[in-house]
Protein backbone atom coordinates (compact mmCIF):
# COMPACT_ATOMS: atom_id res chain seq x y z
CA MET A 1 18.99 2.36 9.77
CA ILE A 2 19.69 -0.88 7.93
CA LEU A 3 21.56 -0.45 4.67
CA LYS A 4 21.60 -3.09 1.98
CA THR A 5 24.70 -4.03 0.06
CA GLU A 6 24.95 -3.58 -3.70
CA THR A 7 24.71 -7.35 -4.05
CA GLU A 8 21.53 -7.54 -1.98
CA ILE A 9 19.89 -4.76 -4.00
CA SER A 10 20.86 -6.28 -7.35
CA ARG A 11 19.62 -9.73 -6.24
CA GLU A 12 16.28 -8.25 -5.17
CA ILE A 13 15.89 -6.58 -8.57
CA ALA A 14 16.73 -9.85 -10.33
CA ASP A 15 14.21 -11.70 -8.17
CA ARG A 16 11.49 -9.17 -9.04
CA ILE A 17 12.27 -9.48 -12.75
CA ARG A 18 12.22 -13.28 -12.49
CA ALA A 19 8.84 -13.14 -10.73
CA ALA A 20 7.45 -10.89 -13.48
CA ARG A 21 8.79 -13.26 -16.14
CA VAL A 22 7.19 -16.27 -14.47
CA LEU A 23 3.93 -14.37 -13.94
CA HIS A 24 3.83 -13.65 -17.69
CA LYS A 25 4.59 -17.35 -18.34
CA LEU A 26 7.75 -16.53 -20.26
CA THR A 27 10.97 -18.50 -20.41
CA GLN A 28 14.39 -16.94 -20.03
CA SER A 29 14.80 -17.49 -23.75
CA ASP A 30 11.55 -15.60 -24.45
CA VAL A 31 12.75 -12.57 -22.47
CA SER A 32 16.14 -12.76 -24.14
CA GLN A 33 14.58 -12.74 -27.61
CA ARG A 34 12.06 -10.00 -26.81
CA SER A 35 14.67 -7.75 -25.20
CA GLY A 36 17.62 -8.36 -27.50
CA VAL A 37 19.78 -9.26 -24.49
CA SER A 38 21.79 -12.42 -24.99
CA LEU A 39 20.44 -15.50 -23.24
CA ALA A 40 23.72 -15.94 -21.33
CA SER A 41 23.56 -12.35 -20.05
CA TYR A 42 19.94 -12.71 -19.01
CA GLN A 43 20.60 -16.02 -17.26
CA ARG A 44 23.58 -14.50 -15.43
CA PHE A 45 21.34 -11.61 -14.35
CA GLU A 46 18.74 -13.92 -12.82
CA GLN A 47 21.46 -15.92 -11.08
CA THR A 48 23.72 -13.12 -9.84
CA GLY A 49 21.84 -9.84 -10.23
CA ARG A 50 24.58 -8.49 -12.51
CA ILE A 51 23.52 -6.75 -15.72
CA GLU A 52 24.36 -3.60 -17.64
CA LEU A 53 21.92 -0.76 -17.11
CA LEU A 54 20.90 -0.56 -20.79
CA SER A 55 20.28 -4.31 -20.81
CA LEU A 56 18.16 -4.01 -17.67
CA ILE A 57 16.09 -1.30 -19.37
CA LYS A 58 15.60 -3.56 -22.41
CA VAL A 59 14.50 -6.44 -20.16
CA ALA A 60 12.08 -4.14 -18.32
CA GLN A 61 10.63 -2.99 -21.65
CA ALA A 62 10.21 -6.59 -22.79
CA LEU A 63 8.21 -7.27 -19.62
CA HIS A 64 6.29 -3.97 -19.86
CA LEU A 65 7.88 -2.71 -16.64
CA GLU A 66 9.66 0.36 -17.99
CA SER A 67 7.35 2.72 -16.09
CA ASP A 68 8.78 1.26 -12.85
CA PHE A 69 11.96 3.24 -13.55
CA ASP A 70 9.97 6.42 -12.85
CA GLN A 71 9.90 5.39 -9.19
CA LEU A 72 13.59 4.48 -8.99
CA PHE A 73 14.66 7.70 -7.30
CA ASN A 74 12.54 10.31 -5.56
CA LYS A 75 12.13 13.45 -7.57
CA PRO A 76 12.99 16.58 -5.64
CA LYS A 77 10.02 18.47 -4.30
CA LEU A 78 9.41 21.67 -6.23
CA MET A 79 10.04 24.69 -4.07
CA THR A 80 9.45 28.39 -4.42
CA LEU A 81 12.48 30.65 -4.79
CA ASP A 82 11.96 31.86 -1.20
CA GLU A 83 11.99 28.25 0.06
CA VAL A 84 15.17 27.50 -1.90
CA GLU A 85 16.90 30.56 -0.44
CA LYS A 86 15.77 29.69 3.08
CA GLN A 87 17.03 26.12 2.66
CA ALA A 88 20.37 27.42 1.38
CA GLN A 89 20.71 29.65 4.46
CA VAL A 90 19.95 26.74 6.81
CA SER A 91 22.52 24.57 5.03
CA THR A 92 25.12 27.32 5.25
CA ARG A 93 24.52 27.85 8.97
CA LYS A 94 24.87 24.13 9.67
CA GLY A 95 28.31 24.11 8.03
CA ARG A 96 29.72 27.01 10.11
CA VAL A 97 31.59 26.71 13.35
CA TYR A 98 30.61 29.34 15.91
CA LYS A 99 33.03 30.45 18.61
CA ARG A 100 31.78 31.17 22.07
CA SER A 101 33.04 34.26 23.85
């Protein structure tokens, strides 16, 4: 399994936002004005990937990408009560140490 660093993930997000901005033929200043995020903060985001979460949400809204946040994390699969209890038993058994006689 290959894990990405925080920096790699944030850079990829910034690159995707930049691509969306360019696709919409907007300047950094346009996105800054539409989102209410300062131009310096937005420019830093595109360069470094660093931005506050609320500012990122504002930028996404300005680019009509807010629905992409719905896919950010997988929602847990809904389970019946029986399935939840069975899963809890399996988890409990995995955590125990059994002694052999």
